[in-house]
Structure formats: C-alpha cells, structure tokens
Amino acid sequence: TTAELAELREKCAALEARADAGDCRGYVMANWAFHSAIHQASHSPMLRAALEPYWLRIGPYVERMMPDRASLMESIPTHWQIVEALS
C-alpha cells in the first residue's frame, strides 16, 4: 500500500543514517526493521515464518561482515533499489 511504501522509505532512510554514522549496531537494528517491514507488507504469515529465523541468525554476524562506515554504506544503494522495485 502507499502507507507501507512510505514506512519502507522511512526505514531505508533510517538505515542510511545509521550507516552514515558508522553505527554498526544501530545499522543491524535498522536493517532488521527495513526487511521486517517488507515481510509484514507481504501479508503472508508463511513467508514471514520462513524468513524471520534466518534474520535472527544473520543479525549477530553483520558487525563482523560490515565493521566500518564504508562497508555499511556500500549496502545502501541496494536497499534503495529494493524500495524502488516495490514502488
């Protein structure tokens, strides 16, 4: 919906702000919020149930995979592409 897309844009902007600040822990939380908003917008309990356990396993490793501002910022264009693809 229009409201769900607006929420997704807000979450992507928050993700970008955390990345730009080099706040890896904040980025992890914002990344979860971003992807969770997509899962919720699917209105598919089966899809959410399938995806959420993977995110719970991946989250703790993001700080190791993306330890600095530059690596966090590299992910931002892809997130905005996701937003545009869903719009």
PDB file of N, CA and C in Angstrom:
ATOM      1  N   THR A   1       0.839  -1.178   0.000  1.00  0.00           N
ATOM      2  CA  THR A   1       0.000   0.000   0.000  1.00  0.00           C
ATOM      3  C   THR A   1       0.886   1.244   0.000  1.00  0.00           C
ATOM      4  N   THR A   2       0.278   2.375  -0.234  1.00  0.00           N
ATOM      5  CA  THR A   2       1.007   3.637  -0.193  1.00  0.00           C
ATOM      6  C   THR A   2       1.612   3.864   1.193  1.00  0.00           C
ATOM      7  N   ALA A   3       0.862   3.551   2.227  1.00  0.00           N
ATOM      8  CA  ALA A   3       1.356   3.730   3.597  1.00  0.00           C
ATOM      9  C   ALA A   3       2.532   2.793   3.886  1.00  0.00           C
ATOM     10  N   GLU A   4       2.447   1.569   3.415  1.00  0.00           N
ATOM     11  CA  GLU A   4       3.540   0.618   3.639  1.00  0.00           C
ATOM     12  C   GLU A   4       4.805   1.048   2.897  1.00  0.00           C
ATOM     13  N   LEU A   5       4.638   1.581   1.705  1.00  0.00           N
ATOM     14  CA  LEU A   5       5.795   2.074   0.953  1.00  0.00           C
ATOM     15  C   LEU A   5       6.411   3.296   1.631  1.00  0.00           C
ATOM     16  N   ALA A   6       5.573   4.164   2.169  1.00  0.00           N
ATOM     17  CA  ALA A   6       6.088   5.332   2.897  1.00  0.00           C
ATOM     18  C   ALA A   6       6.876   4.874   4.127  1.00  0.00           C
ATOM     19  N   GLU A   7       6.351   3.891   4.828  1.00  0.00           N
ATOM     20  CA  GLU A   7       7.048   3.347   6.001  1.00  0.00           C
ATOM     21  C   GLU A   7       8.385   2.723   5.585  1.00  0.00           C
ATOM     22  N   LEU A   8       8.390   2.011   4.459  1.00  0.00           N
ATOM     23  CA  LEU A   8       9.620   1.391   3.981  1.00  0.00           C
ATOM     24  C   LEU A   8      10.665   2.448   3.627  1.00  0.00           C
ATOM     25  N   ARG A   9      10.228   3.541   3.005  1.00  0.00           N
ATOM     26  CA  ARG A   9      11.152   4.638   2.698  1.00  0.00           C
ATOM     27  C   ARG A   9      11.753   5.231   3.976  1.00  0.00           C
ATOM     28  N   GLU A  10      10.916   5.398   4.990  1.00  0.00           N
ATOM     29  CA  GLU A  10      11.396   5.919   6.270  1.00  0.00           C
ATOM     30  C   GLU A  10      12.419   4.974   6.891  1.00  0.00           C
ATOM     31  N   LYS A  11      12.147   3.699   6.805  1.00  0.00           N
ATOM     32  CA  LYS A  11      13.064   2.716   7.381  1.00  0.00           C
ATOM     33  C   LYS A  11      14.378   2.681   6.608  1.00  0.00           C
ATOM     34  N   CYS A  12      14.310   2.867   5.298  1.00  0.00           N
ATOM     35  CA  CYS A  12      15.525   2.895   4.490  1.00  0.00           C
ATOM     36  C   CYS A  12      16.348   4.147   4.816  1.00  0.00           C
ATOM     37  N   ALA A  13      15.675   5.261   5.000  1.00  0.00           N
ATOM     38  CA  ALA A  13      16.378   6.493   5.376  1.00  0.00           C
ATOM     39  C   ALA A  13      17.040   6.333   6.743  1.00  0.00           C
ATOM     40  N   ALA A  14      16.373   5.685   7.663  1.00  0.00           N
ATOM     41  CA  ALA A  14      16.949   5.438   8.991  1.00  0.00           C
ATOM     42  C   ALA A  14      18.161   4.510   8.879  1.00  0.00           C
ATOM     43  N   LEU A  15      18.059   3.515   8.032  1.00  0.00           N
ATOM     44  CA  LEU A  15      19.174   2.599   7.793  1.00  0.00           C
ATOM     45  C   LEU A  15      20.372   3.361   7.233  1.00  0.00           C
ATOM     46  N   GLU A  16      20.108   4.223   6.275  1.00  0.00           N
ATOM     47  CA  GLU A  16      21.182   5.022   5.684  1.00  0.00           C
ATOM     48  C   GLU A  16      21.832   5.937   6.728  1.00  0.00           C
ATOM     49  N   ALA A  17      21.032   6.516   7.590  1.00  0.00           N
ATOM     50  CA  ALA A  17      21.567   7.398   8.630  1.00  0.00           C
ATOM     51  C   ALA A  17      22.482   6.631   9.582  1.00  0.00           C
ATOM     52  N   ARG A  18      22.086   5.418   9.961  1.00  0.00           N
ATOM     53  CA  ARG A  18      22.919   4.596  10.846  1.00  0.00           C
ATOM     54  C   ARG A  18      24.217   4.215  10.149  1.00  0.00           C
ATOM     55  N   ALA A  19      24.127   3.865   8.856  1.00  0.00           N
ATOM     56  CA  ALA A  19      25.334   3.520   8.099  1.00  0.00           C
ATOM     57  C   ALA A  19      26.258   4.722   7.988  1.00  0.00           C
ATOM     58  N   ASP A  20      25.687   5.873   7.674  1.00  0.00           N
ATOM     59  CA  ASP A  20      26.478   7.090   7.506  1.00  0.00           C
ATOM     60  C   ASP A  20      27.184   7.485   8.806  1.00  0.00           C
ATOM     61  N   ALA A  21      26.545   7.173   9.924  1.00  0.00           N
ATOM     62  CA  ALA A  21      27.133   7.467  11.234  1.00  0.00           C
ATOM     63  C   ALA A  21      28.173   6.420  11.639  1.00  0.00           C
ATOM     64  N   GLY A  22      28.265   5.335  10.849  1.00  0.00           N
ATOM     65  CA  GLY A  22      29.190   4.261  11.206  1.00  0.00           C
ATOM     66  C   GLY A  22      28.737   3.472  12.418  1.00  0.00           C
ATOM     67  N   ASP A  23      27.443   3.522  12.696  1.00  0.00           N
ATOM     68  CA  ASP A  23      26.852   2.860  13.857  1.00  0.00           C
ATOM     69  C   ASP A  23      26.415   1.450  13.457  1.00  0.00           C
ATOM     70  N   CYS A  24      27.327   0.506  13.589  1.00  0.00           N
ATOM     71  CA  CYS A  24      27.047  -0.850  13.137  1.00  0.00           C
ATOM     72  C   CYS A  24      25.887  -1.490  13.897  1.00  0.00           C
ATOM     73  N   ARG A  25      25.870  -1.344  15.202  1.00  0.00           N
ATOM     74  CA  ARG A  25      24.789  -1.949  15.990  1.00  0.00           C
ATOM     75  C   ARG A  25      23.440  -1.321  15.624  1.00  0.00           C
ATOM     76  N   GLY A  26      23.421   0.000  15.451  1.00  0.00           N
ATOM     77  CA  GLY A  26      22.196   0.671  15.021  1.00  0.00           C
ATOM     78  C   GLY A  26      21.797   0.253  13.616  1.00  0.00           C
ATOM     79  N   TYR A  27      22.793   0.033  12.761  1.00  0.00           N
ATOM     80  CA  TYR A  27      22.540  -0.440  11.402  1.00  0.00           C
ATOM     81  C   TYR A  27      21.869  -1.809  11.434  1.00  0.00           C
ATOM     82  N   VAL A  28      22.355  -2.698  12.289  1.00  0.00           N
ATOM     83  CA  VAL A  28      21.765  -4.038  12.392  1.00  0.00           C
ATOM     84  C   VAL A  28      20.287  -3.942  12.746  1.00  0.00           C
ATOM     85  N   MET A  29      19.972  -3.099  13.710  1.00  0.00           N
ATOM     86  CA  MET A  29      18.572  -2.950  14.129  1.00  0.00           C
ATOM     87  C   MET A  29      17.734  -2.313  13.024  1.00  0.00           C
ATOM     88  N   ALA A  30      18.291  -1.291  12.365  1.00  0.00           N
ATOM     89  CA  ALA A  30      17.567  -0.627  11.271  1.00  0.00           C
ATOM     90  C   ALA A  30      17.402  -1.556  10.080  1.00  0.00           C
ATOM     91  N   ASN A  31      18.399  -2.397   9.831  1.00  0.00           N
ATOM     92  CA  ASN A  31      18.310  -3.358   8.733  1.00  0.00           C
ATOM     93  C   ASN A  31      17.199  -4.365   9.001  1.00  0.00           C
ATOM     94  N   TRP A  32      17.121  -4.831  10.244  1.00  0.00           N
ATOM     95  CA  TRP A  32      16.037  -5.741  10.621  1.00  0.00           C
ATOM     96  C   TRP A  32      14.687  -5.058  10.436  1.00  0.00           C
ATOM     97  N   ALA A  33      14.566  -3.811  10.863  1.00  0.00           N
ATOM     98  CA  ALA A  33      13.301  -3.082  10.730  1.00  0.00           C
ATOM     99  C   ALA A  33      12.916  -2.922   9.262  1.00  0.00           C
ATOM    100  N   PHE A  34      13.901  -2.635   8.410  1.00  0.00           N
ATOM    101  CA  PHE A  34      13.655  -2.476   6.979  1.00  0.00           C
ATOM    102  C   PHE A  34      13.122  -3.778   6.375  1.00  0.00           C
ATOM    103  N   HIS A  35      13.853  -4.852   6.571  1.00  0.00           N
ATOM    104  CA  HIS A  35      13.454  -6.129   5.969  1.00  0.00           C
ATOM    105  C   HIS A  35      12.190  -6.682   6.605  1.00  0.00           C
ATOM    106  N   SER A  36      12.021  -6.448   7.882  1.00  0.00           N
ATOM    107  CA  SER A  36      10.801  -6.885   8.563  1.00  0.00           C
ATOM    108  C   SER A  36       9.578  -6.173   8.000  1.00  0.00           C
ATOM    109  N   ALA A  37       9.730  -4.891   7.648  1.00  0.00           N
ATOM    110  CA  ALA A  37       8.616  -4.147   7.054  1.00  0.00           C
ATOM    111  C   ALA A  37       8.196  -4.781   5.725  1.00  0.00           C
ATOM    112  N   ILE A  38       9.167  -5.272   4.964  1.00  0.00           N
ATOM    113  CA  ILE A  38       8.845  -5.948   3.704  1.00  0.00           C
ATOM    114  C   ILE A  38       8.111  -7.252   3.982  1.00  0.00           C
ATOM    115  N   HIS A  39       8.622  -8.021   4.948  1.00  0.00           N
ATOM    116  CA  HIS A  39       7.954  -9.284   5.291  1.00  0.00           C
ATOM    117  C   HIS A  39       6.511  -9.026   5.717  1.00  0.00           C
ATOM    118  N   GLN A  40       6.314  -8.009   6.552  1.00  0.00           N
ATOM    119  CA  GLN A  40       4.972  -7.708   7.044  1.00  0.00           C
ATOM    120  C   GLN A  40       4.065  -7.240   5.916  1.00  0.00           C
ATOM    121  N   ALA A  41       4.605  -6.463   4.993  1.00  0.00           N
ATOM    122  CA  ALA A  41       3.797  -5.954   3.883  1.00  0.00           C
ATOM    123  C   ALA A  41       3.373  -7.066   2.924  1.00  0.00           C
ATOM    124  N   SER A  42       4.057  -8.182   2.983  1.00  0.00           N
ATOM    125  CA  SER A  42       3.663  -9.305   2.121  1.00  0.00           C
ATOM    126  C   SER A  42       2.312  -9.873   2.551  1.00  0.00           C
ATOM    127  N   HIS A  43       1.936  -9.639   3.796  1.00  0.00           N
ATOM    128  CA  HIS A  43       0.693 -10.180   4.363  1.00  0.00           C
ATOM    129  C   HIS A  43       0.636 -11.698   4.228  1.00  0.00           C
ATOM    130  N   SER A  44       1.818 -12.304   4.262  1.00  0.00           N
ATOM    131  CA  SER A  44       1.927 -13.758   4.143  1.00  0.00           C
ATOM    132  C   SER A  44       2.578 -14.317   5.408  1.00  0.00           C
ATOM    133  N   PRO A  45       1.781 -14.870   6.297  1.00  0.00           N
ATOM    134  CA  PRO A  45       2.355 -15.453   7.511  1.00  0.00           C
ATOM    135  C   PRO A  45       3.375 -16.558   7.199  1.00  0.00           C
ATOM    136  N   MET A  46       3.141 -17.294   6.126  1.00  0.00           N
ATOM    137  CA  MET A  46       4.047 -18.375   5.769  1.00  0.00           C
ATOM    138  C   MET A  46       5.422 -17.814   5.355  1.00  0.00           C
ATOM    139  N   LEU A  47       5.418 -16.749   4.567  1.00  0.00           N
ATOM    140  CA  LEU A  47       6.668 -16.133   4.147  1.00  0.00           C
ATOM    141  C   LEU A  47       7.412 -15.566   5.350  1.00  0.00           C
ATOM    142  N   ARG A  48       6.697 -14.855   6.209  1.00  0.00           N
ATOM    143  CA  ARG A  48       7.331 -14.293   7.406  1.00  0.00           C
ATOM    144  C   ARG A  48       7.919 -15.389   8.277  1.00  0.00           C
ATOM    145  N   ALA A  49       7.174 -16.453   8.476  1.00  0.00           N
ATOM    146  CA  ALA A  49       7.650 -17.554   9.308  1.00  0.00           C
ATOM    147  C   ALA A  49       8.896 -18.204   8.709  1.00  0.00           C
ATOM    148  N   ALA A  50       8.981 -18.219   7.396  1.00  0.00           N
ATOM    149  CA  ALA A  50      10.151 -18.820   6.742  1.00  0.00           C
ATOM    150  C   ALA A  50      11.369 -17.912   6.816  1.00  0.00           C
ATOM    151  N   LEU A  51      11.195 -16.607   6.692  1.00  0.00           N
ATOM    152  CA  LEU A  51      12.315 -15.685   6.605  1.00  0.00           C
ATOM    153  C   LEU A  51      12.850 -15.210   7.946  1.00  0.00           C
ATOM    154  N   GLU A  52      11.990 -14.990   8.900  1.00  0.00           N
ATOM    155  CA  GLU A  52      12.418 -14.388  10.159  1.00  0.00           C
ATOM    156  C   GLU A  52      13.508 -15.184  10.887  1.00  0.00           C
ATOM    157  N   PRO A  53      13.449 -16.508  10.920  1.00  0.00           N
ATOM    158  CA  PRO A  53      14.541 -17.230  11.595  1.00  0.00           C
ATOM    159  C   PRO A  53      15.910 -16.988  10.961  1.00  0.00           C
ATOM    160  N   TYR A  54      15.958 -16.785   9.651  1.00  0.00           N
ATOM    161  CA  TYR A  54      17.234 -16.504   9.002  1.00  0.00           C
ATOM    162  C   TYR A  54      17.790 -15.159   9.455  1.00  0.00           C
ATOM    163  N   TRP A  55      16.914 -14.170   9.562  1.00  0.00           N
ATOM    164  CA  TRP A  55      17.377 -12.859  10.005  1.00  0.00           C
ATOM    165  C   TRP A  55      17.884 -12.906  11.428  1.00  0.00           C
ATOM    166  N   LEU A  56      17.268 -13.716  12.258  1.00  0.00           N
ATOM    167  CA  LEU A  56      17.723 -13.824  13.644  1.00  0.00           C
ATOM    168  C   LEU A  56      19.117 -14.464  13.717  1.00  0.00           C
ATOM    169  N   ARG A  57      19.426 -15.315  12.753  1.00  0.00           N
ATOM    170  CA  ARG A  57      20.744 -15.944  12.715  1.00  0.00           C
ATOM    171  C   ARG A  57      21.794 -15.039  12.084  1.00  0.00           C
ATOM    172  N   ILE A  58      21.404 -14.238  11.116  1.00  0.00           N
ATOM    173  CA  ILE A  58      22.346 -13.394  10.383  1.00  0.00           C
ATOM    174  C   ILE A  58      22.728 -12.146  11.177  1.00  0.00           C
ATOM    175  N   GLY A  59      21.787 -11.559  11.864  1.00  0.00           N
ATOM    176  CA  GLY A  59      21.998 -10.292  12.565  1.00  0.00           C
ATOM    177  C   GLY A  59      23.285 -10.193  13.360  1.00  0.00           C
ATOM    178  N   PRO A  60      23.589 -11.191  14.195  1.00  0.00           N
ATOM    179  CA  PRO A  60      24.808 -11.084  15.005  1.00  0.00           C
ATOM    180  C   PRO A  60      26.100 -11.032  14.188  1.00  0.00           C
ATOM    181  N   TYR A  61      26.068 -11.493  12.958  1.00  0.00           N
ATOM    182  CA  TYR A  61      27.276 -11.522  12.138  1.00  0.00           C
ATOM    183  C   TYR A  61      27.495 -10.253  11.320  1.00  0.00           C
ATOM    184  N   VAL A  62      26.495  -9.400  11.249  1.00  0.00           N
ATOM    185  CA  VAL A  62      26.627  -8.195  10.429  1.00  0.00           C
ATOM    186  C   VAL A  62      27.784  -7.339  10.924  1.00  0.00           C
ATOM    187  N   GLU A  63      27.936  -7.232  12.222  1.00  0.00           N
ATOM    188  CA  GLU A  63      29.024  -6.408  12.761  1.00  0.00           C
ATOM    189  C   GLU A  63      30.395  -6.931  12.330  1.00  0.00           C
ATOM    190  N   ARG A  64      30.500  -8.216  12.145  1.00  0.00           N
ATOM    191  CA  ARG A  64      31.775  -8.789  11.684  1.00  0.00           C
ATOM    192  C   ARG A  64      31.936  -8.657  10.172  1.00  0.00           C
ATOM    193  N   MET A  65      30.843  -8.767   9.455  1.00  0.00           N
ATOM    194  CA  MET A  65      30.908  -8.696   7.989  1.00  0.00           C
ATOM    195  C   MET A  65      31.039  -7.257   7.505  1.00  0.00           C
ATOM    196  N   MET A  66      30.489  -6.327   8.266  1.00  0.00           N
ATOM    197  CA  MET A  66      30.453  -4.926   7.865  1.00  0.00           C
ATOM    198  C   MET A  66      30.934  -4.074   9.039  1.00  0.00           C
ATOM    199  N   PRO A  67      32.226  -4.088   9.323  1.00  0.00           N
ATOM    200  CA  PRO A  67      32.712  -3.492  10.567  1.00  0.00           C
ATOM    201  C   PRO A  67      32.918  -1.977  10.547  1.00  0.00           C
ATOM    202  N   ASP A  68      32.760  -1.340   9.387  1.00  0.00           N
ATOM    203  CA  ASP A  68      33.056   0.085   9.342  1.00  0.00           C
ATOM    204  C   ASP A  68      32.056   0.834   8.459  1.00  0.00           C
ATOM    205  N   ARG A  69      32.139   2.148   8.526  1.00  0.00           N
ATOM    206  CA  ARG A  69      31.208   3.006   7.794  1.00  0.00           C
ATOM    207  C   ARG A  69      31.202   2.686   6.304  1.00  0.00           C
ATOM    208  N   ALA A  70      32.373   2.518   5.700  1.00  0.00           N
ATOM    209  CA  ALA A  70      32.449   2.279   4.257  1.00  0.00           C
ATOM    210  C   ALA A  70      31.701   1.014   3.854  1.00  0.00           C
ATOM    211  N   SER A  71      31.876  -0.055   4.594  1.00  0.00           N
ATOM    212  CA  SER A  71      31.186  -1.295   4.244  1.00  0.00           C
ATOM    213  C   SER A  71      29.682  -1.181   4.482  1.00  0.00           C
ATOM    214  N   LEU A  72      29.277  -0.450   5.513  1.00  0.00           N
ATOM    215  CA  LEU A  72      27.849  -0.236   5.753  1.00  0.00           C
ATOM    216  C   LEU A  72      27.235   0.574   4.611  1.00  0.00           C
ATOM    217  N   MET A  73      27.936   1.625   4.201  1.00  0.00           N
ATOM    218  CA  MET A  73      27.415   2.499   3.143  1.00  0.00           C
ATOM    219  C   MET A  73      27.307   1.780   1.793  1.00  0.00           C
ATOM    220  N   GLU A  74      28.137   0.777   1.567  1.00  0.00           N
ATOM    221  CA  GLU A  74      28.068   0.027   0.308  1.00  0.00           C
ATOM    222  C   GLU A  74      26.721  -0.648   0.110  1.00  0.00           C
ATOM    223  N   SER A  75      26.057  -0.979   1.198  1.00  0.00           N
ATOM    224  CA  SER A  75      24.774  -1.686   1.104  1.00  0.00           C
ATOM    225  C   SER A  75      23.590  -0.765   0.819  1.00  0.00           C
ATOM    226  N   ILE A  76      23.758   0.513   1.023  1.00  0.00           N
ATOM    227  CA  ILE A  76      22.631   1.446   0.960  1.00  0.00           C
ATOM    228  C   ILE A  76      22.001   1.538  -0.436  1.00  0.00           C
ATOM    229  N   PRO A  77      22.777   1.668  -1.513  1.00  0.00           N
ATOM    230  CA  PRO A  77      22.126   1.735  -2.834  1.00  0.00           C
ATOM    231  C   PRO A  77      21.232   0.527  -3.136  1.00  0.00           C
ATOM    232  N   THR A  78      21.656  -0.647  -2.695  1.00  0.00           N
ATOM    233  CA  THR A  78      20.846  -1.848  -2.923  1.00  0.00           C
ATOM    234  C   THR A  78      19.521  -1.761  -2.173  1.00  0.00           C
ATOM    235  N   HIS A  79      19.556  -1.236  -0.962  1.00  0.00           N
ATOM    236  CA  HIS A  79      18.312  -1.094  -0.195  1.00  0.00           C
ATOM    237  C   HIS A  79      17.365  -0.107  -0.892  1.00  0.00           C
ATOM    238  N   TRP A  80      17.907   0.992  -1.399  1.00  0.00           N
ATOM    239  CA  TRP A  80      17.053   1.944  -2.118  1.00  0.00           C
ATOM    240  C   TRP A  80      16.524   1.313  -3.409  1.00  0.00           C
ATOM    241  N   GLN A  81      17.293   0.455  -4.047  1.00  0.00           N
ATOM    242  CA  GLN A  81      16.804  -0.238  -5.245  1.00  0.00           C
ATOM    243  C   GLN A  81      15.638  -1.159  -4.896  1.00  0.00           C
ATOM    244  N   ILE A  82      15.688  -1.768  -3.739  1.00  0.00           N
ATOM    245  CA  ILE A  82      14.575  -2.609  -3.269  1.00  0.00           C
ATOM    246  C   ILE A  82      13.329  -1.752  -3.114  1.00  0.00           C
ATOM    247  N   VAL A  83      13.476  -0.599  -2.478  1.00  0.00           N
ATOM    248  CA  VAL A  83      12.338   0.315  -2.295  1.00  0.00           C
ATOM    249  C   VAL A  83      11.737   0.690  -3.650  1.00  0.00           C
ATOM    250  N   GLU A  84      12.586   1.074  -4.588  1.00  0.00           N
ATOM    251  CA  GLU A  84      12.101   1.472  -5.910  1.00  0.00           C
ATOM    252  C   GLU A  84      11.434   0.310  -6.646  1.00  0.00           C
ATOM    253  N   ALA A  85      11.981  -0.886  -6.509  1.00  0.00           N
ATOM    254  CA  ALA A  85      11.397  -2.048  -7.176  1.00  0.00           C
ATOM    255  C   ALA A  85       9.999  -2.354  -6.634  1.00  0.00           C
ATOM    256  N   LEU A  86       9.791  -2.084  -5.373  1.00  0.00           N
ATOM    257  CA  LEU A  86       8.481  -2.337  -4.769  1.00  0.00           C
ATOM    258  C   LEU A  86       7.484  -1.205  -4.997  1.00  0.00           C
ATOM    259  N   SER A  87       7.988  -0.066  -5.452  1.00  0.00           N
ATOM    260  CA  SER A  87       7.110   1.112  -5.637  1.00  0.00           C
ATOM    261  C   SER A  87       6.324   1.025  -6.929  1.00  0.00           C
TER     262      SER A  87
END
